[in-house]
Structure formats: C-alpha cells, structure tokens
PDB file of N, CA and C in Angstrom:
ATOM      1  N   MET A   1      83.409 113.748  22.881  1.00  0.00           N
ATOM      2  CA  MET A   1      82.223 114.995  22.755  1.00  0.00           C
ATOM      3  C   MET A   1      82.115 115.829  21.927  1.00  0.00           C
ATOM      4  N   ARG A   2      81.521 116.247  21.243  1.00  0.00           N
ATOM      5  CA  ARG A   2      81.820 117.144  20.542  1.00  0.00           C
ATOM      6  C   ARG A   2      81.812 118.628  21.211  1.00  0.00           C
ATOM      7  N   TYR A   3      82.534 119.623  20.697  1.00  0.00           N
ATOM      8  CA  TYR A   3      82.401 120.923  21.274  1.00  0.00           C
ATOM      9  C   TYR A   3      82.139 122.231  20.618  1.00  0.00           C
ATOM     10  N   MET A   4      81.965 123.469  19.909  1.00  0.00           N
ATOM     11  CA  MET A   4      81.677 124.469  19.302  1.00  0.00           C
ATOM     12  C   MET A   4      82.873 125.116  20.085  1.00  0.00           C
ATOM     13  N   LEU A   5      83.596 125.710  19.333  1.00  0.00           N
ATOM     14  CA  LEU A   5      84.723 126.669  19.349  1.00  0.00           C
ATOM     15  C   LEU A   5      84.299 127.579  18.534  1.00  0.00           C
ATOM     16  N   GLN A   6      83.227 128.882  19.033  1.00  0.00           N
ATOM     17  CA  GLN A   6      83.114 130.142  18.844  1.00  0.00           C
ATOM     18  C   GLN A   6      84.148 131.422  18.782  1.00  0.00           C
ATOM     19  N   VAL A   7      84.858 131.762  17.757  1.00  0.00           N
ATOM     20  CA  VAL A   7      85.661 132.788  17.850  1.00  0.00           C
ATOM     21  C   VAL A   7      85.168 134.211  17.987  1.00  0.00           C
ATOM     22  N   TYR A   8      85.598 135.042  18.784  1.00  0.00           N
ATOM     23  CA  TYR A   8      85.336 136.417  18.691  1.00  0.00           C
ATOM     24  C   TYR A   8      86.251 136.994  18.665  1.00  0.00           C
ATOM     25  N   PHE A   9      86.997 137.913  17.399  1.00  0.00           N
ATOM     26  CA  PHE A   9      88.133 138.172  17.111  1.00  0.00           C
ATOM     27  C   PHE A   9      88.627 139.847  18.082  1.00  0.00           C
ATOM     28  N   ASN A  10      87.275 139.995  18.883  1.00  0.00           N
ATOM     29  CA  ASN A  10      87.074 141.666  19.666  1.00  0.00           C
ATOM     30  C   ASN A  10      88.253 142.466  18.739  1.00  0.00           C
ATOM     31  N   GLY A  11      89.312 142.549  19.531  1.00  0.00           N
ATOM     32  CA  GLY A  11      90.599 143.397  18.494  1.00  0.00           C
ATOM     33  C   GLY A  11      91.504 142.520  17.889  1.00  0.00           C
ATOM     34  N   ALA A  12      91.300 140.902  17.952  1.00  0.00           N
ATOM     35  CA  ALA A  12      92.650 140.357  17.443  1.00  0.00           C
ATOM     36  C   ALA A  12      93.194 140.439  15.878  1.00  0.00           C
ATOM     37  N   GLN A  13      91.997 140.893  15.271  1.00  0.00           N
ATOM     38  CA  GLN A  13      92.710 141.276  14.109  1.00  0.00           C
ATOM     39  C   GLN A  13      93.080 142.788  13.270  1.00  0.00           C
ATOM     40  N   ALA A  14      92.443 143.860  14.509  1.00  0.00           N
ATOM     41  CA  ALA A  14      93.130 144.885  14.248  1.00  0.00           C
ATOM     42  C   ALA A  14      95.143 145.201  14.967  1.00  0.00           C
ATOM     43  N   ARG A  15      94.877 144.205  15.916  1.00  0.00           N
ATOM     44  CA  ARG A  15      96.480 143.631  16.526  1.00  0.00           C
ATOM     45  C   ARG A  15      97.142 142.753  15.306  1.00  0.00           C
ATOM     46  N   ARG A  16      96.949 141.733  15.127  1.00  0.00           N
ATOM     47  CA  ARG A  16      97.102 141.231  13.884  1.00  0.00           C
ATOM     48  C   ARG A  16      97.766 142.124  12.945  1.00  0.00           C
ATOM     49  N   ASP A  17      96.689 143.176  12.096  1.00  0.00           N
ATOM     50  CA  ASP A  17      97.209 144.094  11.470  1.00  0.00           C
ATOM     51  C   ASP A  17      98.447 144.874  11.372  1.00  0.00           C
ATOM     52  N   GLU A  18      99.012 144.993  12.964  1.00  0.00           N
ATOM     53  CA  GLU A  18      99.797 145.927  13.256  1.00  0.00           C
ATOM     54  C   GLU A  18     100.941 145.128  13.446  1.00  0.00           C
ATOM     55  N   LEU A  19     100.941 143.793  13.028  1.00  0.00           N
ATOM     56  CA  LEU A  19     102.179 143.015  12.852  1.00  0.00           C
ATOM     57  C   LEU A  19     103.315 143.285  11.770  1.00  0.00           C
ATOM     58  N   GLN A  20     104.362 142.613  11.938  1.00  0.00           N
ATOM     59  CA  GLN A  20     104.963 142.413  10.594  1.00  0.00           C
ATOM     60  C   GLN A  20     104.152 141.505   9.704  1.00  0.00           C
ATOM     61  N   GLU A  21     104.495 141.851   8.298  1.00  0.00           N
ATOM     62  CA  GLU A  21     104.308 140.716   7.173  1.00  0.00           C
ATOM     63  C   GLU A  21     104.355 138.971   7.496  1.00  0.00           C
ATOM     64  N   ALA A  22     105.873 138.710   8.053  1.00  0.00           N
ATOM     65  CA  ALA A  22     106.195 137.811   8.466  1.00  0.00           C
ATOM     66  C   ALA A  22     105.298 137.038   9.941  1.00  0.00           C
ATOM     67  N   GLN A  23     105.250 137.922  10.880  1.00  0.00           N
ATOM     68  CA  GLN A  23     104.391 137.999  12.067  1.00  0.00           C
ATOM     69  C   GLN A  23     102.813 137.381  11.164  1.00  0.00           C
ATOM     70  N   ARG A  24     102.311 138.353  11.029  1.00  0.00           N
ATOM     71  CA  ARG A  24     101.064 137.903  10.297  1.00  0.00           C
ATOM     72  C   ARG A  24     100.552 136.809   9.361  1.00  0.00           C
ATOM     73  N   ALA A  25     101.662 136.303   8.843  1.00  0.00           N
ATOM     74  CA  ALA A  25     101.801 135.216   8.122  1.00  0.00           C
ATOM     75  C   ALA A  25     101.949 133.738   9.194  1.00  0.00           C
ATOM     76  N   ALA A  26     103.054 134.190   9.914  1.00  0.00           N
ATOM     77  CA  ALA A  26     102.686 133.058  10.655  1.00  0.00           C
ATOM     78  C   ALA A  26     101.787 132.445  11.527  1.00  0.00           C
ATOM     79  N   ILE A  27     101.014 134.012  12.088  1.00  0.00           N
ATOM     80  CA  ILE A  27      99.800 133.578  12.467  1.00  0.00           C
ATOM     81  C   ILE A  27      98.605 132.816  11.858  1.00  0.00           C
ATOM     82  N   VAL A  28      98.860 133.012  10.614  1.00  0.00           N
ATOM     83  CA  VAL A  28      98.016 132.216   9.505  1.00  0.00           C
ATOM     84  C   VAL A  28      97.919 130.959   9.660  1.00  0.00           C
ATOM     85  N   GLU A  29      99.072 130.395   9.698  1.00  0.00           N
ATOM     86  CA  GLU A  29      99.637 129.191   9.705  1.00  0.00           C
ATOM     87  C   GLU A  29      99.107 128.787  10.875  1.00  0.00           C
ATOM     88  N   GLU A  30      99.459 129.372  12.219  1.00  0.00           N
ATOM     89  CA  GLU A  30      98.731 128.774  13.190  1.00  0.00           C
ATOM     90  C   GLU A  30      97.340 128.521  12.793  1.00  0.00           C
ATOM     91  N   TYR A  31      96.749 128.991  12.608  1.00  0.00           N
ATOM     92  CA  TYR A  31      94.738 128.849  12.278  1.00  0.00           C
ATOM     93  C   TYR A  31      95.040 127.796  10.927  1.00  0.00           C
ATOM     94  N   VAL A  32      95.785 127.486  10.117  1.00  0.00           N
ATOM     95  CA  VAL A  32      95.602 126.857   9.244  1.00  0.00           C
ATOM     96  C   VAL A  32      96.147 125.260   9.460  1.00  0.00           C
ATOM     97  N   ALA A  33      97.318 125.150  10.760  1.00  0.00           N
ATOM     98  CA  ALA A  33      97.651 124.230  11.480  1.00  0.00           C
ATOM     99  C   ALA A  33      96.669 123.634  12.595  1.00  0.00           C
ATOM    100  N   PHE A  34      95.850 124.487  13.057  1.00  0.00           N
ATOM    101  CA  PHE A  34      95.038 124.484  14.015  1.00  0.00           C
ATOM    102  C   PHE A  34      93.635 123.715  13.329  1.00  0.00           C
ATOM    103  N   PHE A  35      93.676 123.805  12.416  1.00  0.00           N
ATOM    104  CA  PHE A  35      92.260 123.405  11.364  1.00  0.00           C
ATOM    105  C   PHE A  35      92.444 121.912  10.878  1.00  0.00           C
ATOM    106  N   HIS A  36      93.311 121.741  10.735  1.00  0.00           N
ATOM    107  CA  HIS A  36      94.297 120.666  10.144  1.00  0.00           C
ATOM    108  C   HIS A  36      94.310 119.145  11.228  1.00  0.00           C
ATOM    109  N   ALA A  37      94.245 119.644  12.761  1.00  0.00           N
ATOM    110  CA  ALA A  37      94.635 118.929  13.413  1.00  0.00           C
ATOM    111  C   ALA A  37      93.248 117.881  13.874  1.00  0.00           C
ATOM    112  N   PRO A  38      93.965 116.634  14.482  1.00  0.00           N
ATOM    113  CA  PRO A  38      93.269 115.475  14.229  1.00  0.00           C
ATOM    114  C   PRO A  38      91.228 116.005  14.967  1.00  0.00           C
ATOM    115  N   GLU A  39      91.417 116.763  16.002  1.00  0.00           N
ATOM    116  CA  GLU A  39      90.650 117.123  16.586  1.00  0.00           C
ATOM    117  C   GLU A  39      89.520 117.659  16.244  1.00  0.00           C
ATOM    118  N   VAL A  40      89.831 118.395  15.526  1.00  0.00           N
ATOM    119  CA  VAL A  40      89.202 119.574  14.710  1.00  0.00           C
ATOM    120  C   VAL A  40      87.968 118.716  13.616  1.00  0.00           C
ATOM    121  N   LYS A  41      87.049 119.155  13.026  1.00  0.00           N
ATOM    122  CA  LYS A  41      86.165 118.627  11.983  1.00  0.00           C
ATOM    123  C   LYS A  41      85.559 118.979  11.578  1.00  0.00           C
ATOM    124  N   ASP A  42      85.513 120.469  12.038  1.00  0.00           N
ATOM    125  CA  ASP A  42      84.824 121.306  10.202  1.00  0.00           C
ATOM    126  C   ASP A  42      84.995 123.368  11.210  1.00  0.00           C
ATOM    127  N   GLY A  43      85.625 123.944  10.650  1.00  0.00           N
ATOM    128  CA  GLY A  43      85.487 125.496  10.722  1.00  0.00           C
ATOM    129  C   GLY A  43      85.600 125.829  10.023  1.00  0.00           C
ATOM    130  N   ASN A  44      85.196 127.242   9.965  1.00  0.00           N
ATOM    131  CA  ASN A  44      85.304 128.291   9.121  1.00  0.00           C
ATOM    132  C   ASN A  44      85.634 130.067   9.736  1.00  0.00           C
ATOM    133  N   GLN A  45      85.975 130.712   9.068  1.00  0.00           N
ATOM    134  CA  GLN A  45      86.002 131.906   9.525  1.00  0.00           C
ATOM    135  C   GLN A  45      85.122 132.574   8.803  1.00  0.00           C
ATOM    136  N   LEU A  46      84.176 133.395   9.409  1.00  0.00           N
ATOM    137  CA  LEU A  46      82.856 134.265   8.537  1.00  0.00           C
ATOM    138  C   LEU A  46      83.340 135.308   8.102  1.00  0.00           C
ATOM    139  N   GLN A  47      82.549 135.765   6.948  1.00  0.00           N
ATOM    140  CA  GLN A  47      82.694 137.069   6.651  1.00  0.00           C
ATOM    141  C   GLN A  47      81.983 138.327   7.576  1.00  0.00           C
ATOM    142  N   PRO A  48      82.518 139.554   7.261  1.00  0.00           N
ATOM    143  CA  PRO A  48      82.038 140.527   8.209  1.00  0.00           C
ATOM    144  C   PRO A  48      80.612 140.411   8.633  1.00  0.00           C
ATOM    145  N   PRO A  49      80.206 140.882   9.661  1.00  0.00           N
ATOM    146  CA  PRO A  49      78.850 140.961  10.223  1.00  0.00           C
ATOM    147  C   PRO A  49      77.921 141.984   9.046  1.00  0.00           C
ATOM    148  N   ALA A  50      78.382 142.664   8.437  1.00  0.00           N
ATOM    149  CA  ALA A  50      77.721 143.728   7.598  1.00  0.00           C
ATOM    150  C   ALA A  50      76.866 142.519   6.330  1.00  0.00           C
ATOM    151  N   THR A  51      77.489 141.367   5.759  1.00  0.00           N
ATOM    152  CA  THR A  51      77.651 140.970   5.084  1.00  0.00           C
ATOM    153  C   THR A  51      76.049 139.798   5.604  1.00  0.00           C
ATOM    154  N   ALA A  52      75.929 139.634   6.886  1.00  0.00           N
ATOM    155  CA  ALA A  52      74.441 138.826   7.480  1.00  0.00           C
ATOM    156  C   ALA A  52      73.735 139.233   7.189  1.00  0.00           C
ATOM    157  N   THR A  53      72.183 138.342   7.218  1.00  0.00           N
ATOM    158  CA  THR A  53      71.314 138.426   6.664  1.00  0.00           C
ATOM    159  C   THR A  53      70.314 137.513   7.816  1.00  0.00           C
ATOM    160  N   THR A  54      69.703 138.318   8.828  1.00  0.00           N
ATOM    161  CA  THR A  54      68.665 137.957   9.991  1.00  0.00           C
ATOM    162  C   THR A  54      67.508 137.941   9.759  1.00  0.00           C
ATOM    163  N   VAL A  55      66.793 136.758   9.765  1.00  0.00           N
ATOM    164  CA  VAL A  55      65.910 135.961   9.425  1.00  0.00           C
ATOM    165  C   VAL A  55      64.883 136.102  11.168  1.00  0.00           C
ATOM    166  N   ARG A  56      63.832 136.157  10.850  1.00  0.00           N
ATOM    167  CA  ARG A  56      62.845 135.768  11.735  1.00  0.00           C
ATOM    168  C   ARG A  56      61.190 135.617  11.240  1.00  0.00           C
ATOM    169  N   VAL A  57      60.657 134.846  11.789  1.00  0.00           N
ATOM    170  CA  VAL A  57      58.965 134.587  11.519  1.00  0.00           C
ATOM    171  C   VAL A  57      58.585 135.053  12.457  1.00  0.00           C
ATOM    172  N   ASP A  58      57.231 136.204  11.996  1.00  0.00           N
ATOM    173  CA  ASP A  58      56.535 137.261  13.060  1.00  0.00           C
ATOM    174  C   ASP A  58      55.329 136.418  12.490  1.00  0.00           C
ATOM    175  N   ASP A  59      54.437 136.118  13.279  1.00  0.00           N
ATOM    176  CA  ASP A  59      53.095 136.244  12.411  1.00  0.00           C
ATOM    177  C   ASP A  59      53.143 135.067  10.762  1.00  0.00           C
ATOM    178  N   ASP A  60      53.847 134.332  10.977  1.00  0.00           N
ATOM    179  CA  ASP A  60      53.793 132.774   9.644  1.00  0.00           C
ATOM    180  C   ASP A  60      54.273 133.440   8.725  1.00  0.00           C
ATOM    181  N   GLN A  61      55.058 134.932   9.010  1.00  0.00           N
ATOM    182  CA  GLN A  61      55.562 135.715   7.483  1.00  0.00           C
ATOM    183  C   GLN A  61      57.339 136.220   8.165  1.00  0.00           C
ATOM    184  N   ILE A  62      57.627 135.860   7.267  1.00  0.00           N
ATOM    185  CA  ILE A  62      59.283 135.596   7.288  1.00  0.00           C
ATOM    186  C   ILE A  62      59.523 137.876   6.831  1.00  0.00           C
ATOM    187  N   VAL A  63      60.311 137.863   7.963  1.00  0.00           N
ATOM    188  CA  VAL A  63      60.697 138.681   8.010  1.00  0.00           C
ATOM    189  C   VAL A  63      62.278 139.037   8.096  1.00  0.00           C
ATOM    190  N   ARG A  64      62.996 139.403   7.126  1.00  0.00           N
ATOM    191  CA  ARG A  64      64.586 139.440   6.783  1.00  0.00           C
ATOM    192  C   ARG A  64      64.839 140.907   7.119  1.00  0.00           C
ATOM    193  N   SER A  65      65.810 140.953   7.320  1.00  0.00           N
ATOM    194  CA  SER A  65      66.798 142.123   7.818  1.00  0.00           C
ATOM    195  C   SER A  65      68.193 141.846   7.452  1.00  0.00           C
ATOM    196  N   GLU A  66      68.585 143.102   6.787  1.00  0.00           N
ATOM    197  CA  GLU A  66      70.014 143.137   6.050  1.00  0.00           C
ATOM    198  C   GLU A  66      71.022 143.442   7.531  1.00  0.00           C
ATOM    199  N   GLY A  67      71.963 142.488   7.599  1.00  0.00           N
ATOM    200  CA  GLY A  67      72.633 142.794   8.833  1.00  0.00           C
ATOM    201  C   GLY A  67      72.758 141.741   9.825  1.00  0.00           C
ATOM    202  N   THR A  68      73.765 141.663  11.110  1.00  0.00           N
ATOM    203  CA  THR A  68      73.243 141.228  12.282  1.00  0.00           C
ATOM    204  C   THR A  68      72.866 141.671  13.120  1.00  0.00           C
ATOM    205  N   PHE A  69      71.979 141.378  13.795  1.00  0.00           N
ATOM    206  CA  PHE A  69      71.796 141.255  15.134  1.00  0.00           C
ATOM    207  C   PHE A  69      71.913 141.529  16.315  1.00  0.00           C
ATOM    208  N   PRO A  70      73.434 141.367  16.798  1.00  0.00           N
ATOM    209  CA  PRO A  70      74.060 139.954  17.866  1.00  0.00           C
ATOM    210  C   PRO A  70      73.054 140.489  19.230  1.00  0.00           C
ATOM    211  N   ARG A  71      72.711 139.883  20.379  1.00  0.00           N
ATOM    212  CA  ARG A  71      72.098 140.716  21.518  1.00  0.00           C
ATOM    213  C   ARG A  71      73.929 140.734  21.989  1.00  0.00           C
ATOM    214  N   ALA A  72      74.545 140.086  22.168  1.00  0.00           N
ATOM    215  CA  ALA A  72      76.246 140.507  22.598  1.00  0.00           C
ATOM    216  C   ALA A  72      77.089 141.744  22.017  1.00  0.00           C
ATOM    217  N   GLY A  73      77.931 142.030  22.529  1.00  0.00           N
ATOM    218  CA  GLY A  73      78.525 143.339  21.752  1.00  0.00           C
ATOM    219  C   GLY A  73      79.307 142.805  20.593  1.00  0.00           C
ATOM    220  N   GLU A  74      80.220 141.979  20.585  1.00  0.00           N
ATOM    221  CA  GLU A  74      80.977 141.325  19.821  1.00  0.00           C
ATOM    222  C   GLU A  74      80.408 139.804  18.626  1.00  0.00           C
ATOM    223  N   PRO A  75      80.206 140.505  17.223  1.00  0.00           N
ATOM    224  CA  PRO A  75      79.485 139.272  16.763  1.00  0.00           C
ATOM    225  C   PRO A  75      80.418 137.894  16.043  1.00  0.00           C
ATOM    226  N   LEU A  76      80.387 137.015  16.264  1.00  0.00           N
ATOM    227  CA  LEU A  76      80.746 135.754  16.229  1.00  0.00           C
ATOM    228  C   LEU A  76      81.631 136.020  15.039  1.00  0.00           C
ATOM    229  N   GLY A  77      83.634 135.434  14.755  1.00  0.00           N
ATOM    230  CA  GLY A  77      83.857 135.983  13.871  1.00  0.00           C
ATOM    231  C   GLY A  77      83.984 134.378  13.140  1.00  0.00           C
ATOM    232  N   GLY A  78      84.434 133.476  13.442  1.00  0.00           N
ATOM    233  CA  GLY A  78      84.338 132.225  13.045  1.00  0.00           C
ATOM    234  C   GLY A  78      83.938 131.090  14.078  1.00  0.00           C
ATOM    235  N   TYR A  79      84.234 129.537  13.470  1.00  0.00           N
ATOM    236  CA  TYR A  79      83.747 128.485  14.860  1.00  0.00           C
ATOM    237  C   TYR A  79      84.725 127.552  13.831  1.00  0.00           C
ATOM    238  N   TYR A  80      85.287 126.533  15.248  1.00  0.00           N
ATOM    239  CA  TYR A  80      85.347 125.303  14.827  1.00  0.00           C
ATOM    240  C   TYR A  80      84.669 124.146  15.661  1.00  0.00           C
ATOM    241  N   LEU A  81      84.606 122.783  14.600  1.00  0.00           N
ATOM    242  CA  LEU A  81      83.822 122.136  15.684  1.00  0.00           C
ATOM    243  C   LEU A  81      84.874 121.350  16.083  1.00  0.00           C
ATOM    244  N   VAL A  82      84.763 120.174  17.196  1.00  0.00           N
ATOM    245  CA  VAL A  82      86.134 119.839  17.468  1.00  0.00           C
ATOM    246  C   VAL A  82      84.875 118.655  18.055  1.00  0.00           C
ATOM    247  N   GLU A  83      86.434 117.485  18.380  1.00  0.00           N
ATOM    248  CA  GLU A  83      86.315 116.036  19.267  1.00  0.00           C
ATOM    249  C   GLU A  83      87.360 116.187  20.231  1.00  0.00           C
ATOM    250  N   ALA A  84      87.023 116.193  21.479  1.00  0.00           N
ATOM    251  CA  ALA A  84      87.348 116.445  22.688  1.00  0.00           C
ATOM    252  C   ALA A  84      86.980 115.306  23.544  1.00  0.00           C
ATOM    253  N   ALA A  85      88.108 115.056  24.460  1.00  0.00           N
ATOM    254  CA  ALA A  85      87.356 114.030  25.825  1.00  0.00           C
ATOM    255  C   ALA A  85      86.526 114.357  26.732  1.00  0.00           C
ATOM    256  N   ASP A  86      87.017 115.689  27.014  1.00  0.00           N
ATOM    257  CA  ASP A  86      86.138 116.247  27.950  1.00  0.00           C
ATOM    258  C   ASP A  86      86.120 117.907  27.477  1.00  0.00           C
ATOM    259  N   LEU A  87      85.648 118.575  28.509  1.00  0.00           N
ATOM    260  CA  LEU A  87      85.900 120.214  28.809  1.00  0.00           C
ATOM    261  C   LEU A  87      86.814 120.440  29.044  1.00  0.00           C
ATOM    262  N   ASP A  88      87.992 120.261  29.819  1.00  0.00           N
ATOM    263  CA  ASP A  88      89.230 120.669  29.602  1.00  0.00           C
ATOM    264  C   ASP A  88      89.743 120.733  28.466  1.00  0.00           C
ATOM    265  N   ALA A  89      89.555 119.558  27.742  1.00  0.00           N
ATOM    266  CA  ALA A  89      90.517 119.235  26.678  1.00  0.00           C
ATOM    267  C   ALA A  89      90.225 119.895  25.550  1.00  0.00           C
ATOM    268  N   ALA A  90      88.704 120.417  25.442  1.00  0.00           N
ATOM    269  CA  ALA A  90      88.381 121.345  24.705  1.00  0.00           C
ATOM    270  C   ALA A  90      89.278 123.384  25.229  1.00  0.00           C
ATOM    271  N   VAL A  91      88.912 122.818  26.357  1.00  0.00           N
ATOM    272  CA  VAL A  91      89.516 124.391  26.510  1.00  0.00           C
ATOM    273  C   VAL A  91      91.016 124.710  26.100  1.00  0.00           C
ATOM    274  N   ALA A  92      91.804 123.086  26.226  1.00  0.00           N
ATOM    275  CA  ALA A  92      93.107 123.183  25.959  1.00  0.00           C
ATOM    276  C   ALA A  92      93.044 123.706  24.722  1.00  0.00           C
ATOM    277  N   LEU A  93      92.165 122.970  23.481  1.00  0.00           N
ATOM    278  CA  LEU A  93      91.972 123.373  22.224  1.00  0.00           C
ATOM    279  C   LEU A  93      91.835 124.583  22.162  1.00  0.00           C
ATOM    280  N   ALA A  94      90.957 125.459  22.237  1.00  0.00           N
ATOM    281  CA  ALA A  94      90.802 126.906  22.359  1.00  0.00           C
ATOM    282  C   ALA A  94      91.611 127.903  23.103  1.00  0.00           C
ATOM    283  N   ALA A  95      92.783 127.441  23.450  1.00  0.00           N
ATOM    284  CA  ALA A  95      93.764 128.350  23.794  1.00  0.00           C
ATOM    285  C   ALA A  95      94.984 128.444  23.188  1.00  0.00           C
ATOM    286  N   ARG A  96      94.372 127.626  22.295  1.00  0.00           N
ATOM    287  CA  ARG A  96      95.535 127.216  20.678  1.00  0.00           C
ATOM    288  C   ARG A  96      95.182 128.413  19.795  1.00  0.00           C
ATOM    289  N   ILE A  97      93.698 128.689  19.949  1.00  0.00           N
ATOM    290  CA  ILE A  97      93.330 129.571  18.603  1.00  0.00           C
ATOM    291  C   ILE A  97      93.958 130.480  18.718  1.00  0.00           C
ATOM    292  N   PRO A  98      94.787 131.761  17.705  1.00  0.00           N
ATOM    293  CA  PRO A  98      95.500 132.673  17.706  1.00  0.00           C
ATOM    294  C   PRO A  98      94.526 134.167  18.755  1.00  0.00           C
ATOM    295  N   ALA A  99      93.702 134.088  18.965  1.00  0.00           N
ATOM    296  CA  ALA A  99      92.525 135.031  18.640  1.00  0.00           C
ATOM    297  C   ALA A  99      92.254 135.303  20.217  1.00  0.00           C
ATOM    298  N   ALA A 100      92.664 134.105  20.723  1.00  0.00           N
ATOM    299  CA  ALA A 100      92.422 133.845  22.204  1.00  0.00           C
ATOM    300  C   ALA A 100      93.378 134.807  23.160  1.00  0.00           C
ATOM    301  N   ARG A 101      94.354 134.515  22.409  1.00  0.00           N
ATOM    302  CA  ARG A 101      95.877 135.176  23.169  1.00  0.00           C
ATOM    303  C   ARG A 101      95.931 136.965  22.799  1.00  0.00           C
ATOM    304  N   MET A 102      95.165 137.003  21.286  1.00  0.00           N
ATOM    305  CA  MET A 102      95.564 138.438  20.920  1.00  0.00           C
ATOM    306  C   MET A 102      94.119 139.174  20.965  1.00  0.00           C
ATOM    307  N   GLY A 103      93.485 139.422  22.258  1.00  0.00           N
ATOM    308  CA  GLY A 103      92.415 139.761  22.552  1.00  0.00           C
ATOM    309  C   GLY A 103      91.390 139.631  22.480  1.00  0.00           C
ATOM    310  N   GLY A 104      90.977 138.478  21.304  1.00  0.00           N
ATOM    311  CA  GLY A 104      89.819 137.855  21.210  1.00  0.00           C
ATOM    312  C   GLY A 104      89.115 137.080  22.684  1.00  0.00           C
ATOM    313  N   ALA A 105      88.547 136.611  22.056  1.00  0.00           N
ATOM    314  CA  ALA A 105      87.764 135.115  22.873  1.00  0.00           C
ATOM    315  C   ALA A 105      87.245 134.158  22.060  1.00  0.00           C
ATOM    316  N   VAL A 106      87.499 133.006  23.021  1.00  0.00           N
ATOM    317  CA  VAL A 106      86.819 131.905  22.356  1.00  0.00           C
ATOM    318  C   VAL A 106      85.349 131.133  23.012  1.00  0.00           C
ATOM    319  N   GLU A 107      84.402 131.108  22.594  1.00  0.00           N
ATOM    320  CA  GLU A 107      83.336 130.637  23.839  1.00  0.00           C
ATOM    321  C   GLU A 107      83.332 128.828  23.331  1.00  0.00           C
ATOM    322  N   VAL A 108      83.743 127.945  24.086  1.00  0.00           N
ATOM    323  CA  VAL A 108      83.191 126.526  24.587  1.00  0.00           C
ATOM    324  C   VAL A 108      82.016 126.470  24.224  1.00  0.00           C
ATOM    325  N   ARG A 109      81.287 125.759  23.908  1.00  0.00           N
ATOM    326  CA  ARG A 109      80.098 125.052  24.230  1.00  0.00           C
ATOM    327  C   ARG A 109      79.979 123.410  23.365  1.00  0.00           C
ATOM    328  N   PRO A 110      79.245 122.645  24.344  1.00  0.00           N
ATOM    329  CA  PRO A 110      79.122 121.271  24.040  1.00  0.00           C
ATOM    330  C   PRO A 110      78.054 121.396  22.830  1.00  0.00           C
ATOM    331  N   VAL A 111      78.103 120.309  22.060  1.00  0.00           N
ATOM    332  CA  VAL A 111      77.383 120.259  21.157  1.00  0.00           C
ATOM    333  C   VAL A 111      76.598 119.497  21.487  1.00  0.00           C
ATOM    334  N   VAL A 112      75.014 119.086  21.183  1.00  0.00           N
ATOM    335  CA  VAL A 112      73.891 118.387  21.888  1.00  0.00           C
ATOM    336  C   VAL A 112      74.182 117.007  20.789  1.00  0.00           C
ATOM    337  N   GLU A 113      73.951 115.993  21.299  1.00  0.00           N
ATOM    338  CA  GLU A 113      74.261 114.547  20.735  1.00  0.00           C
ATOM    339  C   GLU A 113      72.906 114.402  20.403  1.00  0.00           C
ATOM    340  N   ARG A 114      72.452 113.739  19.125  1.00  0.00           N
ATOM    341  CA  ARG A 114      71.310 113.327  18.643  1.00  0.00           C
ATOM    342  C   ARG A 114      71.432 111.867  17.852  1.00  0.00           C
TER     343      ARG A 114
END
C-alpha cells in the first residue's frame, strides 16, 4: 500500500540551524539516505509558503492568491510517497525522518489506489 508522509517542520529547521556544521551535514545525509530507501517512491522539500500560489474557482472564475492559506497552523514543508506493507510499517518509516524527532511532525496518510 502507498502512503503519503507529509512533513511539517514546525521548529525543526530552526533547531537544525543551531547545530554545528557537522551535525547539520549529518542530518542532511539522513534525509538523502531516507529518500534513497527502497520504500520511498518519490519526495521533495517544498519552497517556503511565501512562494505559494493558491487557486480557487468561484462562479467559474479562477481566483488566484499569492501565498499559502493553510487551515492548520504549520504549512506543509515536504512530502514522501512510500510503499509500506501496512500503517505500522509506514509509521516506522515516518519516524526515521529527522523532522519528526526535532520538533516537527510527519502526517501519515494512505493514498487512494485507483
């Protein structure tokens, strides 16, 4: 089954920035290694929310707004699409993402298979 692991950095990036250069490099290597794990099918870090464009359609008119307008507090920072046997396996993968242990969060959501 495929799962989307949505990464919310919360304070994780600020905590990473406080570390020594070698520690920051090690964390980057963890992300690279995670991306290359056989279960990971795709993934990307996103540009900051200020670069987003939000699109809605109102009365058949396209309404375009600069910036992101999340309904939750912290905007999505990146994602991974993974293949896992079940939810427990997907959760174990999510726990390997550095942001999960550095003050961030990873939402695990099943993908609708069509």
